[in-house]
Structure formats: C-alpha cells, structure tokens
Protein backbone atom coordinates (compact mmCIF):
# COMPACT_ATOMS: atom_id res chain seq x y z
CA MET A 1 231.27 69.63 125.65
CA VAL A 2 234.41 71.39 126.78
CA THR A 3 237.73 69.52 126.71
CA ALA A 4 241.04 70.61 128.15
CA ARG A 5 243.87 71.41 125.73
CA TRP A 6 246.23 68.85 127.29
CA ALA A 7 243.68 66.09 126.77
CA THR A 8 244.33 66.09 123.00
CA ARG A 9 248.04 65.21 123.22
CA ASP A 10 247.43 61.48 123.42
CA GLY A 11 249.98 60.74 126.14
CA LYS A 12 252.86 62.84 124.84
CA SER A 13 253.21 64.69 128.12
CA ARG A 14 253.41 61.39 130.00
CA ILE A 15 256.35 60.20 127.86
CA GLY A 16 258.16 63.49 128.40
CA CYS A 17 257.60 63.18 132.13
CA LEU A 18 258.89 59.58 132.16
CA LEU A 19 262.01 60.57 130.22
CA THR A 20 262.67 63.42 132.64
CA ILE A 21 262.28 61.11 135.62
CA LEU A 22 264.56 58.53 133.99
CA MET A 23 267.24 61.19 133.36
CA LEU A 24 267.02 62.37 136.97
CA ILE A 25 267.37 58.80 138.23
CA LEU A 26 270.47 58.25 136.04
CA ILE A 27 272.04 61.52 137.23
CA VAL A 28 271.42 60.67 140.90
CA TYR A 29 272.71 57.09 140.43
CA THR A 30 275.90 58.32 138.78
CA GLY A 31 276.37 61.12 141.29
CA VAL A 32 276.07 58.78 144.26
CA ASN A 33 278.59 56.31 142.84
CA VAL A 34 281.12 58.98 141.85
CA GLY A 35 280.52 60.81 145.13
CA GLN A 36 281.33 57.72 147.20
CA VAL A 37 284.68 57.25 145.46
CA TYR A 38 285.72 60.85 146.01
CA TYR A 39 284.32 60.95 149.56
CA ARG A 40 286.64 58.09 150.55
CA TYR A 41 289.56 59.86 148.85
CA TRP A 42 288.91 63.12 150.74
CA MET A 43 288.49 61.31 154.07
CA VAL A 44 291.89 59.58 153.69
CA LEU A 45 293.50 62.84 152.56
CA ASP A 46 292.03 64.68 155.55
CA GLU A 47 293.39 62.05 157.94
CA MET A 48 296.83 62.29 156.33
CA LYS A 49 296.86 66.08 156.64
CA THR A 50 295.79 65.86 160.26
CA GLN A 51 298.55 63.39 161.08
CA ALA A 52 301.11 65.47 159.17
CA ARG A 53 300.23 68.53 161.28
CA MET A 54 300.68 66.50 164.46
CA ALA A 55 303.83 64.73 163.18
CA PRO A 56 306.44 66.58 165.29
CA GLY A 57 305.05 64.88 168.40
CA LEU A 58 304.29 61.45 166.86
CA THR A 59 306.32 58.50 165.67
CA ASP A 60 305.92 57.09 162.17
CA ASP A 61 304.32 53.93 163.61
CA VAL A 62 301.60 55.93 165.35
CA ILE A 63 300.91 57.93 162.19
CA ARG A 64 300.77 54.75 160.09
CA ARG A 65 298.41 53.07 162.56
CA ARG A 66 296.01 56.03 162.59
CA VAL A 67 295.91 56.34 158.80
CA LEU A 68 295.46 52.56 158.47
CA GLN A 69 292.56 52.70 160.89
CA ARG A 70 290.81 55.27 158.68
CA ILE A 71 291.55 53.20 155.55
CA GLU A 72 290.01 50.13 157.18
CA GLU A 73 286.95 52.10 158.32
CA LEU A 74 286.38 53.19 154.72
CA GLU A 75 286.89 49.62 153.43
CA LEU A 76 289.44 50.61 150.80
CA PRO A 77 291.32 48.01 148.72
CA SER A 78 294.35 46.31 150.25
CA GLU A 79 296.78 48.27 148.06
CA ALA A 80 295.76 51.43 149.95
CA ARG A 81 297.25 49.93 153.11
CA THR A 82 300.75 50.54 151.72
CA ILE A 83 301.45 53.88 153.38
CA ARG A 84 304.63 55.79 152.63
CA ILE A 85 305.95 58.04 155.38
CA ARG A 86 309.12 60.01 154.80
CA ARG A 87 310.75 62.68 156.96
CA THR A 88 313.37 64.85 155.30
CA ALA A 89 316.10 66.97 156.91
CA ARG A 90 316.33 69.66 154.22
CA PRO A 91 313.76 71.02 154.06
CA ARG A 92 312.46 69.69 157.35
CA GLU A 93 309.14 68.19 156.38
CA ILE A 94 307.06 65.04 156.50
CA PHE A 95 305.47 63.32 153.54
CA ILE A 96 302.59 60.84 153.93
CA GLY A 97 301.11 59.10 150.88
CA THR A 98 299.32 56.06 149.55
CA SER A 99 297.53 55.07 146.35
CA TRP A 100 294.85 52.68 145.15
CA GLN A 101 292.68 52.01 142.14
CA ASP A 102 288.92 52.48 142.30
CA THR A 103 286.13 52.39 139.72
CA LEU A 104 283.74 55.14 138.74
CA ILE A 105 280.43 53.53 137.76
CA PHE A 106 278.38 55.19 135.05
CA PRO A 107 275.32 53.75 133.30
CA LEU A 108 276.63 51.12 130.86
CA TYR A 109 280.27 52.07 131.57
CA LYS A 110 282.86 51.57 134.29
CA HIS A 111 285.94 53.78 134.40
CA PRO A 112 288.97 52.75 136.47
CA ILE A 113 290.65 55.64 138.28
CA ARG A 114 293.91 55.83 140.25
CA LEU A 115 293.71 57.82 143.47
CA ALA A 116 296.88 58.94 145.25
CA PRO A 117 296.34 61.21 148.26
CA GLU A 118 299.49 62.87 149.65
CA ALA A 119 300.13 65.21 152.55
CA ARG A 120 303.24 67.34 153.12
CA GLN A 121 303.87 69.47 156.17
CA PRO A 122 306.91 71.36 157.46
CA LEU A 123 308.29 70.01 160.75
C-alpha cells in the first residue's frame, strides 16, 4: 500500500493552516479599524484644504458650515465640531483647524489617539 508523505504528519499541517488563517484575520481586523480612524482624519483634512483654497471668496461662516457638514457625515465626536478659523494680515493667510480624540482598536488593546487636522493657505 502506498501512502502520501503528508498523511503521516498527524494533523500538523492543519494546525499551521489554522494559525495562518487566524493571523490573517487579526491583521485584517486591526487594519480595518485603524484604517477607518485615519480615513476619517484624511477626509476632514481634505475638506479643510479645499475650503482654505477657496477662502478668498468665502466667509468664515460658509467655511465653518461646509467643514461641519463633512464632520457630521463622518459621525465624528462632538469635540471635532469646534472649528478654529483664523485669517491673518501678515502674512496674509487662513488657518482652519480642529481636533478630537479617537481610539485605535487592536486585539486585546485599545489605544487612544489625538487627531488634529490643520490647513493653512495664503490668501
């Protein structure tokens, strides 16, 4: 009778396969959670930069309303709704900023992180 070489391992290859699958699941789980936090950060930052580029033709109220709309779409914490807009004369520029605390979720561990997107643009 002929037997295959892998048949004599008594399940060792199955355990290795299960551990590999478990590691992949943990990596994907962590990546999705961390990715969501940074995706929201980059979306708010992008909106701030867009509004800063258009600032010479917009009032501060319009800029604030547009950034707030994006913050509400992304369902960020209420502290992110405190938007700072400052126009300076020398140098002529606009500053738009906000900050909030979010949590990076890892297996068996949660790490709080402070995010503070800012946009500056010459006027």
